[in-house]
PDB file of N, CA and C in Angstrom:
ATOM      1  N   MET A   1       5.056  63.837  51.184  1.00  0.00           N
ATOM      2  CA  MET A   1       5.835  63.624  49.995  1.00  0.00           C
ATOM      3  C   MET A   1       7.260  63.239  50.333  1.00  0.00           C
ATOM      4  N   LYS A   2       7.788  63.883  51.376  1.00  0.00           N
ATOM      5  CA  LYS A   2       9.163  63.581  51.753  1.00  0.00           C
ATOM      6  C   LYS A   2       9.293  62.150  52.275  1.00  0.00           C
ATOM      7  N   ARG A   3       8.230  61.592  52.790  1.00  0.00           N
ATOM      8  CA  ARG A   3       8.286  60.230  53.302  1.00  0.00           C
ATOM      9  C   ARG A   3       8.254  59.198  52.168  1.00  0.00           C
ATOM     10  N   LEU A   4       7.705  59.525  51.027  1.00  0.00           N
ATOM     11  CA  LEU A   4       7.615  58.604  49.905  1.00  0.00           C
ATOM     12  C   LEU A   4       8.920  58.555  49.096  1.00  0.00           C
ATOM     13  N   ALA A   5       9.713  59.590  49.149  1.00  0.00           N
ATOM     14  CA  ALA A   5      10.955  59.630  48.364  1.00  0.00           C
ATOM     15  C   ALA A   5      11.912  58.499  48.745  1.00  0.00           C
ATOM     16  N   PRO A   6      12.198  58.249  50.027  1.00  0.00           N
ATOM     17  CA  PRO A   6      13.096  57.130  50.346  1.00  0.00           C
ATOM     18  C   PRO A   6      12.504  55.769  49.943  1.00  0.00           C
ATOM     19  N   LEU A   7      11.189  55.647  50.079  1.00  0.00           N
ATOM     20  CA  LEU A   7      10.542  54.397  49.675  1.00  0.00           C
ATOM     21  C   LEU A   7      10.673  54.195  48.161  1.00  0.00           C
ATOM     22  N   PHE A   8      10.498  55.272  47.407  1.00  0.00           N
ATOM     23  CA  PHE A   8      10.659  55.218  45.952  1.00  0.00           C
ATOM     24  C   PHE A   8      12.070  54.771  45.583  1.00  0.00           C
ATOM     25  N   TRP A   9      13.090  55.362  46.227  1.00  0.00           N
ATOM     26  CA  TRP A   9      14.477  55.014  45.920  1.00  0.00           C
ATOM     27  C   TRP A   9      14.792  53.575  46.332  1.00  0.00           C
ATOM     28  N   LEU A  10      14.215  53.133  47.416  1.00  0.00           N
ATOM     29  CA  LEU A  10      14.423  51.758  47.857  1.00  0.00           C
ATOM     30  C   LEU A  10      13.848  50.770  46.844  1.00  0.00           C
ATOM     31  N   VAL A  11      12.647  51.037  46.377  1.00  0.00           N
ATOM     32  CA  VAL A  11      12.020  50.170  45.366  1.00  0.00           C
ATOM     33  C   VAL A  11      12.830  50.207  44.072  1.00  0.00           C
ATOM     34  N   LEU A  12      13.286  51.375  43.683  1.00  0.00           N
ATOM     35  CA  LEU A  12      14.085  51.517  42.473  1.00  0.00           C
ATOM     36  C   LEU A  12      15.394  50.737  42.591  1.00  0.00           C
ATOM     37  N   ILE A  13      16.052  50.818  43.741  1.00  0.00           N
ATOM     38  CA  ILE A  13      17.301  50.093  43.961  1.00  0.00           C
ATOM     39  C   ILE A  13      17.049  48.585  43.942  1.00  0.00           C
ATOM     40  N   LEU A  14      15.954  48.137  44.550  1.00  0.00           N
ATOM     41  CA  LEU A  14      15.629  46.710  44.541  1.00  0.00           C
ATOM     42  C   LEU A  14      15.325  46.210  43.126  1.00  0.00           C
ATOM     43  N   LEU A  15      14.607  46.989  42.360  1.00  0.00           N
ATOM     44  CA  LEU A  15      14.334  46.620  40.967  1.00  0.00           C
ATOM     45  C   LEU A  15      15.620  46.560  40.149  1.00  0.00           C
ATOM     46  N   ALA A  16      16.486  47.544  40.330  1.00  0.00           N
ATOM     47  CA  ALA A  16      17.756  47.556  39.607  1.00  0.00           C
ATOM     48  C   ALA A  16      18.607  46.355  40.006  1.00  0.00           C
ATOM     49  N   GLY A  17      18.642  46.044  41.297  1.00  0.00           N
ATOM     50  CA  GLY A  17      19.408  44.890  41.766  1.00  0.00           C
ATOM     51  C   GLY A  17      18.848  43.584  41.231  1.00  0.00           C
ATOM     52  N   GLY A  18      17.531  43.440  41.223  1.00  0.00           N
ATOM     53  CA  GLY A  18      16.899  42.237  40.673  1.00  0.00           C
ATOM     54  C   GLY A  18      17.154  42.083  39.189  1.00  0.00           C
ATOM     55  N   THR A  19      17.045  43.196  38.470  1.00  0.00           N
ATOM     56  CA  THR A  19      17.320  43.158  37.031  1.00  0.00           C
ATOM     57  C   THR A  19      18.773  42.794  36.768  1.00  0.00           C
ATOM     58  N   LEU A  20      19.686  43.366  37.541  1.00  0.00           N
ATOM     59  CA  LEU A  20      21.109  43.059  37.395  1.00  0.00           C
ATOM     60  C   LEU A  20      21.375  41.581  37.678  1.00  0.00           C
ATOM     61  N   MET A  21      20.717  41.044  38.705  1.00  0.00           N
ATOM     62  CA  MET A  21      20.901  39.635  39.042  1.00  0.00           C
ATOM     63  C   MET A  21      20.372  38.738  37.919  1.00  0.00           C
ATOM     64  N   LYS A  22      19.213  39.079  37.364  1.00  0.00           N
ATOM     65  CA  LYS A  22      18.625  38.306  36.266  1.00  0.00           C
ATOM     66  C   LYS A  22      19.538  38.315  35.047  1.00  0.00           C
ATOM     67  N   ILE A  23      20.057  39.478  34.702  1.00  0.00           N
ATOM     68  CA  ILE A  23      20.964  39.591  33.558  1.00  0.00           C
ATOM     69  C   ILE A  23      22.238  38.801  33.811  1.00  0.00           C
ATOM     70  N   SER A  24      22.726  38.833  35.052  1.00  0.00           N
ATOM     71  CA  SER A  24      23.931  38.085  35.404  1.00  0.00           C
ATOM     72  C   SER A  24      23.718  36.578  35.198  1.00  0.00           C
ATOM     73  N   TYR A  25      22.559  36.060  35.611  1.00  0.00           N
ATOM     74  CA  TYR A  25      22.252  34.640  35.426  1.00  0.00           C
ATOM     75  C   TYR A  25      22.114  34.296  33.938  1.00  0.00           C
ATOM     76  N   GLN A  26      21.537  35.189  33.177  1.00  0.00           N
ATOM     77  CA  GLN A  26      21.415  34.958  31.734  1.00  0.00           C
ATOM     78  C   GLN A  26      22.785  34.921  31.064  1.00  0.00           C
ATOM     79  N   VAL A  27      23.679  35.814  31.486  1.00  0.00           N
ATOM     80  CA  VAL A  27      25.034  35.832  30.935  1.00  0.00           C
ATOM     81  C   VAL A  27      25.763  34.539  31.289  1.00  0.00           C
ATOM     82  N   ASP A  28      25.607  34.071  32.530  1.00  0.00           N
ATOM     83  CA  ASP A  28      26.228  32.803  32.933  1.00  0.00           C
ATOM     84  C   ASP A  28      25.705  31.636  32.091  1.00  0.00           C
ATOM     85  N   ALA A  29      24.410  31.623  31.822  1.00  0.00           N
ATOM     86  CA  ALA A  29      23.829  30.555  31.002  1.00  0.00           C
ATOM     87  C   ALA A  29      24.380  30.607  29.582  1.00  0.00           C
ATOM     88  N   LYS A  30      24.506  31.797  29.027  1.00  0.00           N
ATOM     89  CA  LYS A  30      25.050  31.938  27.672  1.00  0.00           C
ATOM     90  C   LYS A  30      26.523  31.529  27.628  1.00  0.00           C
ATOM     91  N   GLU A  31      27.281  31.839  28.683  1.00  0.00           N
ATOM     92  CA  GLU A  31      28.686  31.431  28.729  1.00  0.00           C
ATOM     93  C   GLU A  31      28.803  29.911  28.802  1.00  0.00           C
ATOM     94  N   ARG A  32      27.912  29.257  29.585  1.00  0.00           N
ATOM     95  CA  ARG A  32      27.915  27.793  29.636  1.00  0.00           C
ATOM     96  C   ARG A  32      27.580  27.203  28.276  1.00  0.00           C
ATOM     97  N   GLU A  33      26.611  27.797  27.614  1.00  0.00           N
ATOM     98  CA  GLU A  33      26.232  27.331  26.277  1.00  0.00           C
ATOM     99  C   GLU A  33      27.396  27.512  25.298  1.00  0.00           C
ATOM    100  N   LEU A  34      28.094  28.639  25.398  1.00  0.00           N
ATOM    101  CA  LEU A  34      29.231  28.902  24.530  1.00  0.00           C
ATOM    102  C   LEU A  34      30.352  27.891  24.773  1.00  0.00           C
ATOM    103  N   ARG A  35      30.633  27.571  26.041  1.00  0.00           N
ATOM    104  CA  ARG A  35      31.650  26.572  26.353  1.00  0.00           C
ATOM    105  C   ARG A  35      31.262  25.210  25.779  1.00  0.00           C
ATOM    106  N   HIS A  36      29.990  24.860  25.903  1.00  0.00           N
ATOM    107  CA  HIS A  36      29.508  23.589  25.365  1.00  0.00           C
ATOM    108  C   HIS A  36      29.662  23.551  23.848  1.00  0.00           C
ATOM    109  N   LEU A  37      29.282  24.633  23.172  1.00  0.00           N
ATOM    110  CA  LEU A  37      29.396  24.687  21.713  1.00  0.00           C
ATOM    111  C   LEU A  37      30.850  24.648  21.259  1.00  0.00           C
ATOM    112  N   ASN A  38      31.743  25.331  22.004  1.00  0.00           N
ATOM    113  CA  ASN A  38      33.163  25.289  21.653  1.00  0.00           C
ATOM    114  C   ASN A  38      33.733  23.887  21.822  1.00  0.00           C
ATOM    115  N   ALA A  39      33.314  23.186  22.874  1.00  0.00           N
ATOM    116  CA  ALA A  39      33.768  21.806  23.072  1.00  0.00           C
ATOM    117  C   ALA A  39      33.243  20.907  21.962  1.00  0.00           C
ATOM    118  N   GLN A  40      32.001  21.111  21.576  1.00  0.00           N
ATOM    119  CA  GLN A  40      31.419  20.325  20.491  1.00  0.00           C
ATOM    120  C   GLN A  40      32.121  20.633  19.166  1.00  0.00           C
ATOM    121  N   LEU A  41      32.448  21.878  18.932  1.00  0.00           N
ATOM    122  CA  LEU A  41      33.164  22.282  17.723  1.00  0.00           C
ATOM    123  C   LEU A  41      34.543  21.635  17.677  1.00  0.00           C
ATOM    124  N   ALA A  42      35.260  21.638  18.801  1.00  0.00           N
ATOM    125  CA  ALA A  42      36.583  21.009  18.851  1.00  0.00           C
ATOM    126  C   ALA A  42      36.477  19.508  18.588  1.00  0.00           C
ATOM    127  N   ALA A  43      35.463  18.865  19.142  1.00  0.00           N
ATOM    128  CA  ALA A  43      35.277  17.429  18.907  1.00  0.00           C
ATOM    129  C   ALA A  43      34.968  17.158  17.434  1.00  0.00           C
ATOM    130  N   ASN A  44      34.147  17.989  16.822  1.00  0.00           N
ATOM    131  CA  ASN A  44      33.836  17.823  15.399  1.00  0.00           C
ATOM    132  C   ASN A  44      35.069  18.038  14.537  1.00  0.00           C
ATOM    133  N   GLN A  45      35.897  19.026  14.880  1.00  0.00           N
ATOM    134  CA  GLN A  45      37.117  19.271  14.118  1.00  0.00           C
ATOM    135  C   GLN A  45      38.082  18.095  14.246  1.00  0.00           C
ATOM    136  N   ASP A  46      38.166  17.512  15.443  1.00  0.00           N
ATOM    137  CA  ASP A  46      39.000  16.325  15.614  1.00  0.00           C
ATOM    138  C   ASP A  46      38.480  15.174  14.756  1.00  0.00           C
ATOM    139  N   GLY A  47      37.172  15.010  14.736  1.00  0.00           N
ATOM    140  CA  GLY A  47      36.576  13.963  13.903  1.00  0.00           C
ATOM    141  C   GLY A  47      36.861  14.188  12.430  1.00  0.00           C
ATOM    142  N   ILE A  48      36.807  15.434  11.997  1.00  0.00           N
ATOM    143  CA  ILE A  48      37.101  15.752  10.595  1.00  0.00           C
ATOM    144  C   ILE A  48      38.552  15.437  10.275  1.00  0.00           C
ATOM    145  N   ARG A  49      39.461  15.761  11.203  1.00  0.00           N
ATOM    146  CA  ARG A  49      40.879  15.439  10.982  1.00  0.00           C
ATOM    147  C   ARG A  49      41.083  13.932  10.858  1.00  0.00           C
ATOM    148  N   VAL A  50      40.406  13.165  11.697  1.00  0.00           N
ATOM    149  CA  VAL A  50      40.526  11.702  11.633  1.00  0.00           C
ATOM    150  C   VAL A  50      39.975  11.193  10.301  1.00  0.00           C
ATOM    151  N   LEU A  51      38.825  11.717   9.875  1.00  0.00           N
ATOM    152  CA  LEU A  51      38.244  11.281   8.611  1.00  0.00           C
ATOM    153  C   LEU A  51      39.122  11.647   7.418  1.00  0.00           C
ATOM    154  N   LYS A  52      39.749  12.809   7.459  1.00  0.00           N
ATOM    155  CA  LYS A  52      40.658  13.191   6.373  1.00  0.00           C
ATOM    156  C   LYS A  52      41.864  12.270   6.317  1.00  0.00           C
ATOM    157  N   ALA A  53      42.403  11.912   7.481  1.00  0.00           N
ATOM    158  CA  ALA A  53      43.536  10.987   7.517  1.00  0.00           C
ATOM    159  C   ALA A  53      43.125   9.616   6.992  1.00  0.00           C
ATOM    160  N   GLU A  54      41.940   9.165   7.385  1.00  0.00           N
ATOM    161  CA  GLU A  54      41.459   7.867   6.911  1.00  0.00           C
ATOM    162  C   GLU A  54      41.230   7.890   5.408  1.00  0.00           C
ATOM    163  N   TRP A  55      40.673   8.981   4.915  1.00  0.00           N
ATOM    164  CA  TRP A  55      40.436   9.124   3.475  1.00  0.00           C
ATOM    165  C   TRP A  55      41.763   9.103   2.713  1.00  0.00           C
ATOM    166  N   ALA A  56      42.758   9.792   3.239  1.00  0.00           N
ATOM    167  CA  ALA A  56      44.071   9.805   2.590  1.00  0.00           C
ATOM    168  C   ALA A  56      44.669   8.395   2.558  1.00  0.00           C
ATOM    169  N   TYR A  57      44.497   7.651   3.640  1.00  0.00           N
ATOM    170  CA  TYR A  57      45.009   6.279   3.679  1.00  0.00           C
ATOM    171  C   TYR A  57      44.263   5.390   2.681  1.00  0.00           C
ATOM    172  N   LEU A  58      42.946   5.500   2.655  1.00  0.00           N
ATOM    173  CA  LEU A  58      42.155   4.628   1.784  1.00  0.00           C
ATOM    174  C   LEU A  58      42.366   4.942   0.305  1.00  0.00           C
ATOM    175  N   ASN A  59      42.782   6.141  -0.026  1.00  0.00           N
ATOM    176  CA  ASN A  59      42.958   6.523  -1.423  1.00  0.00           C
ATOM    177  C   ASN A  59      44.403   6.468  -1.891  1.00  0.00           C
ATOM    178  N   GLN A  60      45.253   5.769  -1.163  1.00  0.00           N
ATOM    179  CA  GLN A  60      46.636   5.622  -1.614  1.00  0.00           C
ATOM    180  C   GLN A  60      46.655   4.767  -2.881  1.00  0.00           C
ATOM    181  N   PRO A  61      47.299   5.233  -3.938  1.00  0.00           N
ATOM    182  CA  PRO A  61      47.311   4.474  -5.195  1.00  0.00           C
ATOM    183  C   PRO A  61      47.877   3.061  -5.035  1.00  0.00           C
ATOM    184  N   GLN A  62      48.915   2.897  -4.227  1.00  0.00           N
ATOM    185  CA  GLN A  62      49.494   1.566  -4.053  1.00  0.00           C
ATOM    186  C   GLN A  62      48.486   0.635  -3.397  1.00  0.00           C
ATOM    187  N   ARG A  63      47.751   1.120  -2.423  1.00  0.00           N
ATOM    188  CA  ARG A  63      46.764   0.293  -1.733  1.00  0.00           C
ATOM    189  C   ARG A  63      45.637  -0.100  -2.675  1.00  0.00           C
ATOM    190  N   ILE A  64      45.150   0.856  -3.464  1.00  0.00           N
ATOM    191  CA  ILE A  64      44.070   0.568  -4.416  1.00  0.00           C
ATOM    192  C   ILE A  64      44.544  -0.424  -5.463  1.00  0.00           C
ATOM    193  N   GLU A  65      45.776  -0.276  -5.918  1.00  0.00           N
ATOM    194  CA  GLU A  65      46.322  -1.209  -6.909  1.00  0.00           C
ATOM    195  C   GLU A  65      46.424  -2.620  -6.336  1.00  0.00           C
ATOM    196  N   THR A  66      46.866  -2.730  -5.093  1.00  0.00           N
ATOM    197  CA  THR A  66      46.961  -4.046  -4.448  1.00  0.00           C
ATOM    198  C   THR A  66      45.584  -4.681  -4.308  1.00  0.00           C
ATOM    199  N   LEU A  67      44.615  -3.909  -3.873  1.00  0.00           N
ATOM    200  CA  LEU A  67      43.265  -4.444  -3.711  1.00  0.00           C
ATOM    201  C   LEU A  67      42.640  -4.826  -5.046  1.00  0.00           C
ATOM    202  N   SER A  68      42.866  -4.022  -6.066  1.00  0.00           N
ATOM    203  CA  SER A  68      42.295  -4.350  -7.378  1.00  0.00           C
ATOM    204  C   SER A  68      42.944  -5.610  -7.941  1.00  0.00           C
ATOM    205  N   ALA A  69      44.240  -5.777  -7.730  1.00  0.00           N
ATOM    206  CA  ALA A  69      44.901  -7.003  -8.198  1.00  0.00           C
ATOM    207  C   ALA A  69      44.382  -8.215  -7.433  1.00  0.00           C
ATOM    208  N   LYS A  70      44.047  -8.027  -6.180  1.00  0.00           N
ATOM    209  CA  LYS A  70      43.574  -9.145  -5.359  1.00  0.00           C
ATOM    210  C   LYS A  70      42.131  -9.527  -5.687  1.00  0.00           C
ATOM    211  N   TYR A  71      41.255  -8.556  -5.859  1.00  0.00           N
ATOM    212  CA  TYR A  71      39.830  -8.847  -5.974  1.00  0.00           C
ATOM    213  C   TYR A  71      39.248  -8.728  -7.380  1.00  0.00           C
ATOM    214  N   LEU A  72      39.923  -8.077  -8.283  1.00  0.00           N
ATOM    215  CA  LEU A  72      39.349  -7.840  -9.609  1.00  0.00           C
ATOM    216  C   LEU A  72      39.993  -8.684 -10.704  1.00  0.00           C
ATOM    217  N   THR A  73      40.727  -9.714 -10.348  1.00  0.00           N
ATOM    218  CA  THR A  73      41.411 -10.523 -11.365  1.00  0.00           C
ATOM    219  C   THR A  73      40.436 -11.319 -12.206  1.00  0.00           C
ATOM    220  N   ALA A  74      39.321 -11.763 -11.657  1.00  0.00           N
ATOM    221  CA  ALA A  74      38.372 -12.593 -12.392  1.00  0.00           C
ATOM    222  C   ALA A  74      37.354 -11.773 -13.174  1.00  0.00           C
ATOM    223  N   MET A  75      37.417 -10.478 -13.120  1.00  0.00           N
ATOM    224  CA  MET A  75      36.425  -9.653 -13.811  1.00  0.00           C
ATOM    225  C   MET A  75      36.867  -9.363 -15.236  1.00  0.00           C
ATOM    226  N   HIS A  76      35.904  -9.466 -16.143  1.00  0.00           N
ATOM    227  CA  HIS A  76      36.136  -9.170 -17.560  1.00  0.00           C
ATOM    228  C   HIS A  76      35.003  -8.278 -18.044  1.00  0.00           C
ATOM    229  N   PRO A  77      35.191  -7.611 -19.172  1.00  0.00           N
ATOM    230  CA  PRO A  77      34.102  -6.787 -19.698  1.00  0.00           C
ATOM    231  C   PRO A  77      32.861  -7.636 -19.993  1.00  0.00           C
ATOM    232  N   LEU A  78      31.700  -7.055 -19.843  1.00  0.00           N
ATOM    233  CA  LEU A  78      30.435  -7.734 -20.067  1.00  0.00           C
ATOM    234  C   LEU A  78      30.218  -7.972 -21.552  1.00  0.00           C
ATOM    235  N   GLN A  79      29.790  -9.171 -21.890  1.00  0.00           N
ATOM    236  CA  GLN A  79      29.495  -9.530 -23.278  1.00  0.00           C
ATOM    237  C   GLN A  79      27.986  -9.442 -23.514  1.00  0.00           C
ATOM    238  N   VAL A  80      27.592  -9.255 -24.772  1.00  0.00           N
ATOM    239  CA  VAL A  80      26.179  -9.145 -25.108  1.00  0.00           C
ATOM    240  C   VAL A  80      25.452 -10.443 -24.777  1.00  0.00           C
ATOM    241  N   ALA A  81      26.089 -11.567 -24.990  1.00  0.00           N
ATOM    242  CA  ALA A  81      25.457 -12.861 -24.698  1.00  0.00           C
ATOM    243  C   ALA A  81      25.145 -12.980 -23.199  1.00  0.00           C
ATOM    244  N   GLN A  82      25.982 -12.421 -22.361  1.00  0.00           N
ATOM    245  CA  GLN A  82      25.723 -12.462 -20.922  1.00  0.00           C
ATOM    246  C   GLN A  82      24.485 -11.643 -20.583  1.00  0.00           C
ATOM    247  N   MET A  83      24.308 -10.529 -21.235  1.00  0.00           N
ATOM    248  CA  MET A  83      23.132  -9.705 -20.978  1.00  0.00           C
ATOM    249  C   MET A  83      21.873 -10.421 -21.436  1.00  0.00           C
ATOM    250  N   GLN A  84      21.922 -11.060 -22.589  1.00  0.00           N
ATOM    251  CA  GLN A  84      20.754 -11.773 -23.096  1.00  0.00           C
ATOM    252  C   GLN A  84      20.444 -12.980 -22.232  1.00  0.00           C
ATOM    253  N   ALA A  85      21.458 -13.649 -21.723  1.00  0.00           N
ATOM    254  CA  ALA A  85      21.239 -14.810 -20.866  1.00  0.00           C
ATOM    255  C   ALA A  85      20.617 -14.395 -19.541  1.00  0.00           C
ATOM    256  N   GLY A  86      20.870 -13.215 -19.078  1.00  0.00           N
ATOM    257  CA  GLY A  86      20.324 -12.742 -17.817  1.00  0.00           C
ATOM    258  C   GLY A  86      18.859 -12.331 -17.905  1.00  0.00           C
ATOM    259  N   LEU A  87      18.344 -12.157 -19.124  1.00  0.00           N
ATOM    260  CA  LEU A  87      16.958 -11.726 -19.329  1.00  0.00           C
ATOM    261  C   LEU A  87      16.231 -12.690 -20.256  1.00  0.00           C
ATOM    262  N   PRO A  88      16.007 -13.950 -19.864  1.00  0.00           N
ATOM    263  CA  PRO A  88      15.451 -14.924 -20.804  1.00  0.00           C
ATOM    264  C   PRO A  88      13.998 -14.672 -21.172  1.00  0.00           C
ATOM    265  N   GLY A  89      13.175 -14.149 -20.289  1.00  0.00           N
ATOM    266  CA  GLY A  89      11.750 -13.999 -20.576  1.00  0.00           C
ATOM    267  C   GLY A  89      11.373 -12.635 -21.104  1.00  0.00           C
ATOM    268  N   VAL A  90      12.304 -11.776 -21.343  1.00  0.00           N
ATOM    269  CA  VAL A  90      11.995 -10.410 -21.749  1.00  0.00           C
ATOM    270  C   VAL A  90      12.105 -10.304 -23.263  1.00  0.00           C
ATOM    271  N   GLN A  91      11.025  -9.846 -23.867  1.00  0.00           N
ATOM    272  CA  GLN A  91      11.015  -9.618 -25.309  1.00  0.00           C
ATOM    273  C   GLN A  91      11.043  -8.110 -25.545  1.00  0.00           C
ATOM    274  N   LEU A  92      11.937  -7.666 -26.357  1.00  0.00           N
ATOM    275  CA  LEU A  92      12.002  -6.245 -26.664  1.00  0.00           C
ATOM    276  C   LEU A  92      10.985  -5.919 -27.742  1.00  0.00           C
ATOM    277  N   ALA A  93      10.204  -4.887 -27.552  1.00  0.00           N
ATOM    278  CA  ALA A  93       9.192  -4.479 -28.516  1.00  0.00           C
ATOM    279  C   ALA A  93       9.837  -3.624 -29.590  1.00  0.00           C
ATOM    280  N   ALA A  94       9.313  -3.756 -30.790  1.00  0.00           N
ATOM    281  CA  ALA A  94       9.804  -2.942 -31.895  1.00  0.00           C
ATOM    282  C   ALA A  94       9.267  -1.525 -31.734  1.00  0.00           C
ATOM    283  N   VAL A  95      10.090  -0.562 -32.004  1.00  0.00           N
ATOM    284  CA  VAL A  95       9.698   0.835 -31.873  1.00  0.00           C
ATOM    285  C   VAL A  95       9.085   1.287 -33.185  1.00  0.00           C
ATOM    286  N   THR A  96       7.828   1.748 -33.117  1.00  0.00           N
ATOM    287  CA  THR A  96       7.153   2.262 -34.308  1.00  0.00           C
ATOM    288  C   THR A  96       6.695   3.677 -34.021  1.00  0.00           C
ATOM    289  N   PRO A  97       6.801   4.554 -34.992  1.00  0.00           N
ATOM    290  CA  PRO A  97       6.338   5.924 -34.765  1.00  0.00           C
ATOM    291  C   PRO A  97       4.825   5.936 -34.629  1.00  0.00           C
ATOM    292  N   SER A  98       4.344   6.739 -33.721  1.00  0.00           N
ATOM    293  CA  SER A  98       2.893   6.837 -33.523  1.00  0.00           C
ATOM    294  C   SER A  98       2.445   8.276 -33.744  1.00  0.00           C
ATOM    295  N   LYS A  99       1.139   8.440 -33.833  1.00  0.00           N
ATOM    296  CA  LYS A  99       0.583   9.777 -34.046  1.00  0.00           C
ATOM    297  C   LYS A  99       0.801  10.663 -32.827  1.00  0.00           C
ATOM    298  N   THR A 100       0.733  10.084 -31.631  1.00  0.00           N
ATOM    299  CA  THR A 100       0.901  10.896 -30.432  1.00  0.00           C
ATOM    300  C   THR A 100       2.327  11.400 -30.316  1.00  0.00           C
ATOM    301  N   ALA A 101       3.296  10.587 -30.712  1.00  0.00           N
ATOM    302  CA  ALA A 101       4.680  11.032 -30.630  1.00  0.00           C
ATOM    303  C   ALA A 101       4.919  12.201 -31.574  1.00  0.00           C
ATOM    304  N   GLY A 102       4.325  12.136 -32.749  1.00  0.00           N
ATOM    305  CA  GLY A 102       4.482  13.224 -33.704  1.00  0.00           C
ATOM    306  C   GLY A 102       3.861  14.510 -33.198  1.00  0.00           C
ATOM    307  N   SER A 103       2.703  14.407 -32.537  1.00  0.00           N
ATOM    308  CA  SER A 103       2.058  15.613 -32.028  1.00  0.00           C
ATOM    309  C   SER A 103       2.834  16.199 -30.862  1.00  0.00           C
ATOM    310  N   VAL A 104       3.469  15.335 -30.066  1.00  0.00           N
ATOM    311  CA  VAL A 104       4.282  15.832 -28.963  1.00  0.00           C
ATOM    312  C   VAL A 104       5.476  16.599 -29.511  1.00  0.00           C
ATOM    313  N   ILE A 105       6.061  16.076 -30.570  1.00  0.00           N
ATOM    314  CA  ILE A 105       7.199  16.766 -31.167  1.00  0.00           C
ATOM    315  C   ILE A 105       6.758  18.102 -31.749  1.00  0.00           C
ATOM    316  N   GLN A 106       5.582  18.124 -32.371  1.00  0.00           N
ATOM    317  CA  GLN A 106       5.087  19.377 -32.939  1.00  0.00           C
ATOM    318  C   GLN A 106       4.791  20.392 -31.842  1.00  0.00           C
ATOM    319  N   VAL A 107       4.214  19.958 -30.736  1.00  0.00           N
ATOM    320  CA  VAL A 107       3.918  20.870 -29.646  1.00  0.00           C
ATOM    321  C   VAL A 107       5.212  21.407 -29.044  1.00  0.00           C
ATOM    322  N   ALA A 108       6.208  20.537 -28.893  1.00  0.00           N
ATOM    323  CA  ALA A 108       7.477  20.973 -28.346  1.00  0.00           C
ATOM    324  C   ALA A 108       8.171  21.944 -29.290  1.00  0.00           C
ATOM    325  N   ALA A 109       8.028  21.720 -30.599  1.00  0.00           N
ATOM    326  CA  ALA A 109       8.667  22.604 -31.572  1.00  0.00           C
ATOM    327  C   ALA A 109       8.005  23.976 -31.613  1.00  0.00           C
ATOM    328  N   THR A 110       6.710  24.056 -31.312  1.00  0.00           N
ATOM    329  CA  THR A 110       6.024  25.346 -31.376  1.00  0.00           C
ATOM    330  C   THR A 110       6.295  26.205 -30.153  1.00  0.00           C
ATOM    331  N   ARG A 111       6.768  25.623 -29.082  1.00  0.00           N
ATOM    332  CA  ARG A 111       7.045  26.410 -27.861  1.00  0.00           C
ATOM    333  C   ARG A 111       8.299  27.113 -28.020  1.00  0.00           C
TER     334      ARG A 111
END
């Protein structure tokens, strides 16, 4: 029995050392992952700052007014004749009440 005790402690120490080494490698991997995620987060935040600056520039009232004066001068409100001219082959059907529509209304009213 006395001869097995040192062997037991040796195996226990080796297992503890192996487990400690495994945990150490896992911690290193998680730290690398954390550094990568922090770098990605910083890059995304920089991108958001750039997009906010661009949005602020694009929404300047003076710029929008200049562009609208440049490109929207020939635009006028749509006339009914223009709509009819755009749809020459389309005939609008007259709306007539039907029995099915009345029953749908009755069913909806009873719910």
